[in-house]
Protein backbone atom coordinates (compact mmCIF):
# COMPACT_ATOMS: atom_id res chain seq x y z
CA MET A 1 -3.88 18.94 -25.39
CA SER A 2 -4.58 19.10 -21.64
CA LYS A 3 -7.78 17.63 -20.28
CA LYS A 4 -10.37 20.10 -18.95
CA ILE A 5 -11.49 19.82 -15.33
CA LEU A 6 -14.59 21.32 -13.76
CA PHE A 7 -14.06 21.34 -9.99
CA MET A 8 -16.78 21.19 -7.33
CA GLY A 9 -15.80 21.76 -3.70
CA THR A 10 -16.23 24.05 -0.72
CA PRO A 11 -13.98 23.74 2.42
CA ASP A 12 -10.20 23.73 2.82
CA TYR A 13 -10.10 19.94 2.23
CA ALA A 14 -11.31 20.68 -1.31
CA THR A 15 -8.97 23.65 -1.74
CA LYS A 16 -5.89 21.46 -1.25
CA ILE A 17 -7.07 19.09 -4.00
CA PHE A 18 -7.99 22.04 -6.22
CA GLU A 19 -4.51 23.52 -5.76
CA GLU A 20 -2.88 20.23 -6.76
CA ILE A 21 -4.87 20.17 -10.01
CA LEU A 22 -3.96 23.82 -10.67
CA ASN A 23 -0.29 22.88 -10.47
CA SER A 24 -0.70 19.86 -12.75
CA SER A 25 -0.97 19.45 -16.51
CA TYR A 26 -4.77 19.59 -16.30
CA GLU A 27 -6.76 22.74 -17.08
CA ILE A 28 -9.39 23.93 -14.62
CA VAL A 29 -12.20 25.56 -16.61
CA GLY A 30 -14.56 26.47 -13.77
CA LEU A 31 -15.47 26.09 -10.12
CA PHE A 32 -18.78 25.22 -8.48
CA THR A 33 -18.97 25.91 -4.75
CA GLN A 34 -21.58 26.70 -2.11
CA PRO A 35 -23.10 30.20 -1.84
CA ASP A 36 -21.50 32.79 0.45
CA LYS A 37 -22.97 32.48 3.96
CA PRO A 38 -23.14 34.55 7.17
CA PHE A 39 -20.40 33.60 9.62
CA GLY A 40 -19.58 34.35 13.24
CA ARG A 41 -21.36 36.41 15.86
CA LYS A 42 -21.63 39.39 13.55
CA GLN A 43 -23.00 37.17 10.76
CA ILE A 44 -20.62 38.64 8.16
CA ILE A 45 -21.29 37.27 4.67
CA THR A 46 -18.27 35.09 3.97
CA PRO A 47 -17.25 33.16 0.82
CA PRO A 48 -16.37 29.47 1.01
CA HIS A 49 -12.70 28.69 1.66
CA ILE A 50 -12.05 27.64 -1.93
CA LYS A 51 -13.65 30.76 -3.41
CA GLN A 52 -11.58 32.99 -1.13
CA TYR A 53 -8.48 31.12 -2.31
CA CYS A 54 -9.40 31.88 -5.93
CA LEU A 55 -10.00 35.56 -5.14
CA ASP A 56 -6.70 35.85 -3.26
CA LYS A 57 -4.83 34.27 -6.19
CA ASN A 58 -6.72 36.33 -8.82
CA LEU A 59 -7.54 33.15 -10.71
CA ASP A 60 -9.26 33.79 -14.00
CA PHE A 61 -12.09 31.32 -14.55
CA PRO A 62 -15.82 31.36 -13.78
CA ILE A 63 -17.08 30.61 -10.26
CA PHE A 64 -20.65 29.36 -9.86
CA GLN A 65 -22.54 29.23 -6.54
CA PRO A 66 -26.04 27.83 -7.15
CA GLU A 67 -28.29 27.15 -4.17
CA ARG A 68 -29.14 23.77 -5.69
CA LEU A 69 -28.20 21.64 -8.67
CA LYS A 70 -31.22 19.38 -8.91
CA GLY A 71 -33.62 20.67 -11.55
CA ASN A 72 -31.35 23.64 -12.24
CA GLU A 73 -31.31 24.00 -16.03
CA GLU A 74 -29.09 27.08 -15.86
CA ALA A 75 -26.38 25.20 -13.96
CA LYS A 76 -26.63 22.28 -16.38
CA SER A 77 -26.18 24.63 -19.36
CA GLN A 78 -23.24 26.38 -17.70
CA ILE A 79 -21.47 23.05 -17.21
CA GLU A 80 -22.18 21.89 -20.75
CA GLU A 81 -20.76 25.14 -22.16
CA LEU A 82 -17.48 24.53 -20.31
CA LYS A 83 -17.13 21.13 -22.06
CA PRO A 84 -15.23 19.44 -19.21
CA ASP A 85 -13.48 16.12 -19.75
CA PHE A 86 -13.90 15.36 -16.02
CA ILE A 87 -15.88 16.77 -13.12
CA VAL A 88 -13.87 16.41 -9.90
CA VAL A 89 -15.86 16.67 -6.66
CA ALA A 90 -14.54 17.02 -3.11
CA ALA A 91 -16.72 17.98 -0.13
CA TYR A 92 -18.97 20.04 -2.38
CA GLY A 93 -22.04 19.83 -0.15
CA GLN A 94 -24.66 18.84 -2.75
CA ILE A 95 -25.58 15.58 -4.43
CA LEU A 96 -25.13 15.71 -8.19
CA PRO A 97 -28.30 14.90 -10.17
CA LYS A 98 -28.27 12.49 -13.12
CA GLU A 99 -28.43 15.28 -15.71
CA ILE A 100 -25.04 16.52 -14.49
CA LEU A 101 -23.53 13.09 -13.90
CA ASP A 102 -24.21 12.36 -17.58
CA ILE A 103 -22.21 15.36 -18.86
CA ALA A 104 -18.74 13.95 -18.07
CA PRO A 105 -17.15 11.32 -15.78
CA CYS A 106 -17.63 12.62 -12.22
CA ILE A 107 -14.88 11.63 -9.77
CA ASN A 108 -15.41 12.14 -6.05
CA LEU A 109 -12.62 12.23 -3.46
CA HIS A 110 -14.35 10.91 -0.35
CA ALA A 111 -12.44 10.99 2.96
CA SER A 112 -13.08 7.41 4.06
CA LEU A 113 -12.26 3.88 3.00
CA LEU A 114 -15.49 3.14 1.16
CA PRO A 115 -17.92 1.48 1.60
CA LYS A 116 -17.26 2.48 5.23
CA TYR A 117 -18.70 5.85 6.27
CA ARG A 118 -20.71 7.01 3.32
CA GLY A 119 -22.14 10.44 4.08
CA ALA A 120 -21.27 13.85 5.49
CA SER A 121 -18.79 13.30 8.35
CA PRO A 122 -16.49 10.35 7.59
CA ILE A 123 -13.34 11.83 9.19
CA GLN A 124 -15.08 12.53 12.49
CA GLU A 125 -16.73 9.10 12.41
CA SER A 126 -13.41 7.29 12.04
CA LEU A 127 -12.05 9.16 15.09
CA LEU A 128 -15.19 8.53 17.14
CA ASN A 129 -14.91 4.81 16.44
CA ASP A 130 -11.21 4.72 17.33
CA ASP A 131 -10.31 3.24 13.95
CA GLU A 132 -6.70 2.26 13.37
CA TYR A 133 -6.84 3.50 9.78
CA THR A 134 -8.79 5.97 7.72
CA GLY A 135 -8.11 7.14 4.19
CA VAL A 136 -9.41 8.55 0.93
CA THR A 137 -11.36 6.85 -1.85
CA SER A 138 -11.54 8.14 -5.40
CA MET A 139 -14.77 6.89 -6.91
CA LEU A 140 -16.89 7.22 -10.01
CA MET A 141 -20.05 9.03 -8.98
CA GLU A 142 -23.58 7.76 -9.55
CA GLU A 143 -26.97 8.85 -8.24
CA GLY A 144 -26.62 7.09 -4.86
CA LEU A 145 -24.86 8.59 -1.82
CA ASP A 146 -21.15 7.71 -2.13
CA SER A 147 -22.13 4.39 -3.71
CA GLY A 148 -20.18 4.54 -6.98
CA ASP A 149 -17.44 2.24 -8.19
CA ILE A 150 -14.02 2.60 -6.53
CA LEU A 151 -11.18 3.93 -8.69
CA GLY A 152 -8.48 4.15 -6.03
CA LEU A 153 -7.78 3.98 -2.28
CA GLN A 154 -5.10 5.51 -0.08
CA TYR A 155 -4.71 4.72 3.64
CA LEU A 156 -3.78 6.90 6.63
CA LYS A 157 -2.82 5.47 10.03
CA ILE A 158 -4.54 7.32 12.88
CA SER A 159 -2.15 8.14 15.72
CA PRO A 160 -3.45 8.05 19.33
CA THR A 161 -3.29 11.86 19.60
CA MET A 162 -4.58 12.76 16.12
CA GLU A 163 -7.42 15.29 16.25
CA VAL A 164 -9.85 16.15 13.49
CA ALA A 165 -7.94 19.18 12.17
CA GLU A 166 -4.76 17.14 11.71
CA ALA A 167 -6.72 14.31 10.10
CA PHE A 168 -8.36 16.74 7.67
CA SER A 169 -4.98 18.21 6.75
CA LYS A 170 -3.27 14.87 6.17
CA LEU A 171 -6.24 13.44 4.26
CA SER A 172 -6.45 16.49 2.01
CA GLU A 173 -2.80 15.98 1.05
CA ILE A 174 -3.46 12.29 0.35
CA ALA A 175 -6.59 13.16 -1.64
CA ALA A 176 -4.70 15.71 -3.72
CA LYS A 177 -2.12 13.14 -4.83
CA LEU A 178 -4.77 10.47 -5.37
CA THR A 179 -6.74 12.85 -7.61
CA ILE A 180 -3.85 13.25 -10.03
CA THR A 181 -3.06 9.52 -9.96
CA THR A 182 -6.70 8.72 -10.74
CA LEU A 183 -6.90 11.24 -13.59
CA ASP A 184 -3.56 10.14 -15.07
CA ASN A 185 -4.58 6.47 -15.07
CA TYR A 186 -8.31 6.82 -15.66
CA GLU A 187 -8.31 5.03 -19.02
CA THR A 188 -6.63 1.92 -17.60
CA ILE A 189 -8.33 1.70 -14.18
CA ASN A 190 -10.73 -1.18 -13.68
CA PRO A 191 -13.48 0.27 -11.43
CA LYS A 192 -14.37 -1.94 -8.45
CA LYS A 193 -17.92 -2.35 -7.13
CA GLN A 194 -18.41 -1.53 -3.45
CA ASN A 195 -19.28 -4.42 -1.13
CA GLU A 196 -22.82 -3.54 -0.05
CA SER A 197 -22.60 -5.86 2.98
CA GLU A 198 -19.90 -3.59 4.48
CA VAL A 199 -21.73 -0.27 4.03
CA SER A 200 -22.08 2.16 6.94
CA PHE A 201 -23.33 5.75 7.00
CA CYS A 202 -22.53 8.92 8.93
CA LYS A 203 -24.67 12.03 9.33
CA LYS A 204 -24.06 15.75 9.23
CA ILE A 205 -22.77 16.82 12.65
CA LYS A 206 -25.07 18.81 14.92
CA LYS A 207 -23.96 21.05 17.76
CA GLU A 208 -25.59 18.86 20.41
CA TYR A 209 -23.32 15.94 19.45
CA GLY A 210 -20.55 17.69 21.41
CA GLU A 211 -22.19 17.24 24.82
CA VAL A 212 -20.17 14.94 27.09
CA ASP A 213 -20.10 13.68 30.67
CA PHE A 214 -17.41 12.11 32.84
CA SER A 215 -18.68 8.54 32.74
CA ASN A 216 -15.97 7.16 30.44
CA ALA A 217 -12.61 8.86 29.84
CA LYS A 218 -11.85 7.01 26.61
CA LYS A 219 -15.21 7.86 25.03
CA LEU A 220 -14.95 11.50 26.06
CA HIS A 221 -11.45 11.72 24.57
CA LEU A 222 -12.62 10.17 21.29
CA LYS A 223 -15.42 12.74 21.10
CA TYR A 224 -12.89 15.48 21.76
CA LYS A 225 -10.61 14.23 18.96
CA ALA A 226 -13.55 14.10 16.54
CA TYR A 227 -15.22 17.37 17.49
CA SER A 228 -12.36 19.61 18.69
CA TYR A 229 -12.68 21.83 15.60
CA TRP A 230 -16.50 22.03 15.79
CA PRO A 231 -18.70 21.89 17.82
CA GLY A 232 -16.15 21.20 20.55
CA VAL A 233 -16.99 19.16 23.64
CA PHE A 234 -18.95 20.61 26.55
CA LEU A 235 -20.76 19.60 29.70
CA ASN A 236 -24.52 19.90 30.20
CA SER A 237 -23.79 23.20 32.02
CA GLY A 238 -22.29 24.61 28.81
CA LEU A 239 -18.71 24.48 30.15
CA LYS A 240 -16.34 23.78 27.22
CA LEU A 241 -13.42 21.43 27.74
CA LYS A 242 -10.32 22.00 25.59
CA ASP A 243 -6.83 20.57 25.10
CA ILE A 244 -7.72 17.17 26.54
CA THR A 245 -5.25 14.33 27.10
CA LEU A 246 -6.31 10.78 27.98
CA LEU A 247 -4.38 9.65 31.06
CA GLU A 248 -5.63 6.08 31.53
CA THR A 249 -8.75 3.98 31.04
CA SER A 250 -8.98 1.58 34.00
CA SER A 251 -9.33 3.52 37.26
CA THR A 252 -12.64 3.98 39.07
CA ASN A 253 -13.54 7.46 40.30
CA LEU A 254 -16.39 9.76 41.17
CA GLU A 255 -17.78 11.25 37.97
CA GLY A 256 -16.04 14.61 37.37
CA GLU A 257 -13.86 14.44 40.48
CA ILE A 258 -10.84 16.77 40.51
CA LEU A 259 -7.92 14.41 41.18
CA SER A 260 -5.06 16.89 40.95
CA PHE A 261 -4.01 20.08 39.19
CA ASP A 262 -0.87 22.00 38.29
CA GLU A 263 0.24 24.53 35.69
CA THR A 264 -0.18 21.98 32.87
CA GLY A 265 -3.84 21.27 33.58
CA VAL A 266 -6.42 19.60 35.77
CA SER A 267 -6.72 15.83 36.10
CA ILE A 268 -10.36 14.73 36.17
CA GLY A 269 -11.66 11.34 37.21
CA CYS A 270 -14.34 9.56 35.24
CA THR A 271 -16.46 6.65 36.40
CA ARG A 272 -13.95 4.74 34.31
CA GLY A 273 -10.53 6.22 33.59
CA SER A 274 -9.14 9.73 33.88
CA LEU A 275 -8.00 12.58 31.68
CA LYS A 276 -6.22 15.93 31.84
CA ILE A 277 -7.85 19.16 30.70
CA ALA A 278 -5.50 22.06 29.92
CA SER A 279 -8.06 24.81 29.25
CA ILE A 280 -11.69 25.49 30.08
CA GLN A 281 -14.19 27.96 28.61
CA SER A 282 -17.28 29.19 30.42
CA PRO A 283 -20.33 30.07 28.30
CA SER A 284 -19.91 33.45 26.51
CA LYS A 285 -16.37 33.87 27.88
CA LYS A 286 -12.85 33.29 26.59
CA ALA A 287 -11.00 30.06 27.25
CA VAL A 288 -8.60 30.17 30.22
CA ASN A 289 -5.97 27.85 31.64
CA ALA A 290 -7.76 25.10 33.53
CA ILE A 291 -5.86 25.82 36.74
CA ASP A 292 -6.95 29.48 36.59
CA TYR A 293 -10.54 28.36 36.16
CA ILE A 294 -10.28 25.98 39.14
CA ARG A 295 -8.77 28.69 41.33
CA GLY A 296 -11.34 31.25 40.17
CA GLN A 297 -14.15 28.90 41.12
CA ARG A 298 -12.40 28.06 44.44
CA LEU A 299 -12.40 24.38 43.62
CA SER A 300 -9.88 21.91 45.01
CA GLY A 301 -9.02 18.22 44.95
CA GLY A 302 -12.06 16.04 45.60
CA ASN A 303 -14.51 18.65 44.29
CA ILE A 304 -16.64 17.89 41.23
CA LEU A 305 -16.23 19.75 37.93
CA LYS A 306 -19.62 20.38 36.37
């Protein structure tokens, strides 16, 4: 008889893991995800990625979207009625209270190599810190934030050009496979305590984190890799910088100096290092090729981009 899985997740990272379980020998008996929320300029009420996936596939099991789990007796009863053998959690967006953790073993697929980067933005944090490796940890959940015992780890090497969207995609594939491996071997796994001396935390990303300047090319490029999906990187003026390539890290230049430009982009000097920007977006306007922006603003070599 197949084991019953209650799944809790929200974005596309979770959907990939969810899909892997759907195609396995395990039976998904229900989904918990975040409530539908307004999205975009027109604030259209939009379901979470994973819910939309279920609707598109006409999947036939209950979907629950409570505002909160803590102190929610209705949600607790709904989970108990499903009688899950496991609760699998991936980027759900809420901390599970003890009354739910006690219903069945809760396994979280966290996109970092725990105990490094507990919290809300581990993928972005690994890119910001120029880590050589990131990865996924399957862990047994407890009341603390990502502090439970480790059930399995899988590594991913970060390439020099890897941006956050690519990292999310690759890590979701790794997490999907690790989920099945963890479930298949759960009875024989010896959970490992996290080393508390190596713990670090990361916060939920705010829009203002994307503001950059041209003081250090390497740091700007790392921010771009981490935040290119959202919130993007932008100057204090609101000018968004897109499709950025790090050229080198040792030269000394005027901050924001236009060094050269051609059809492939504009080379910008930083106090230390330089980079190439292929497209630029003014506030409330569409992104354009960087060379078109430079020409439109009547800027030339030696001028300052700001």
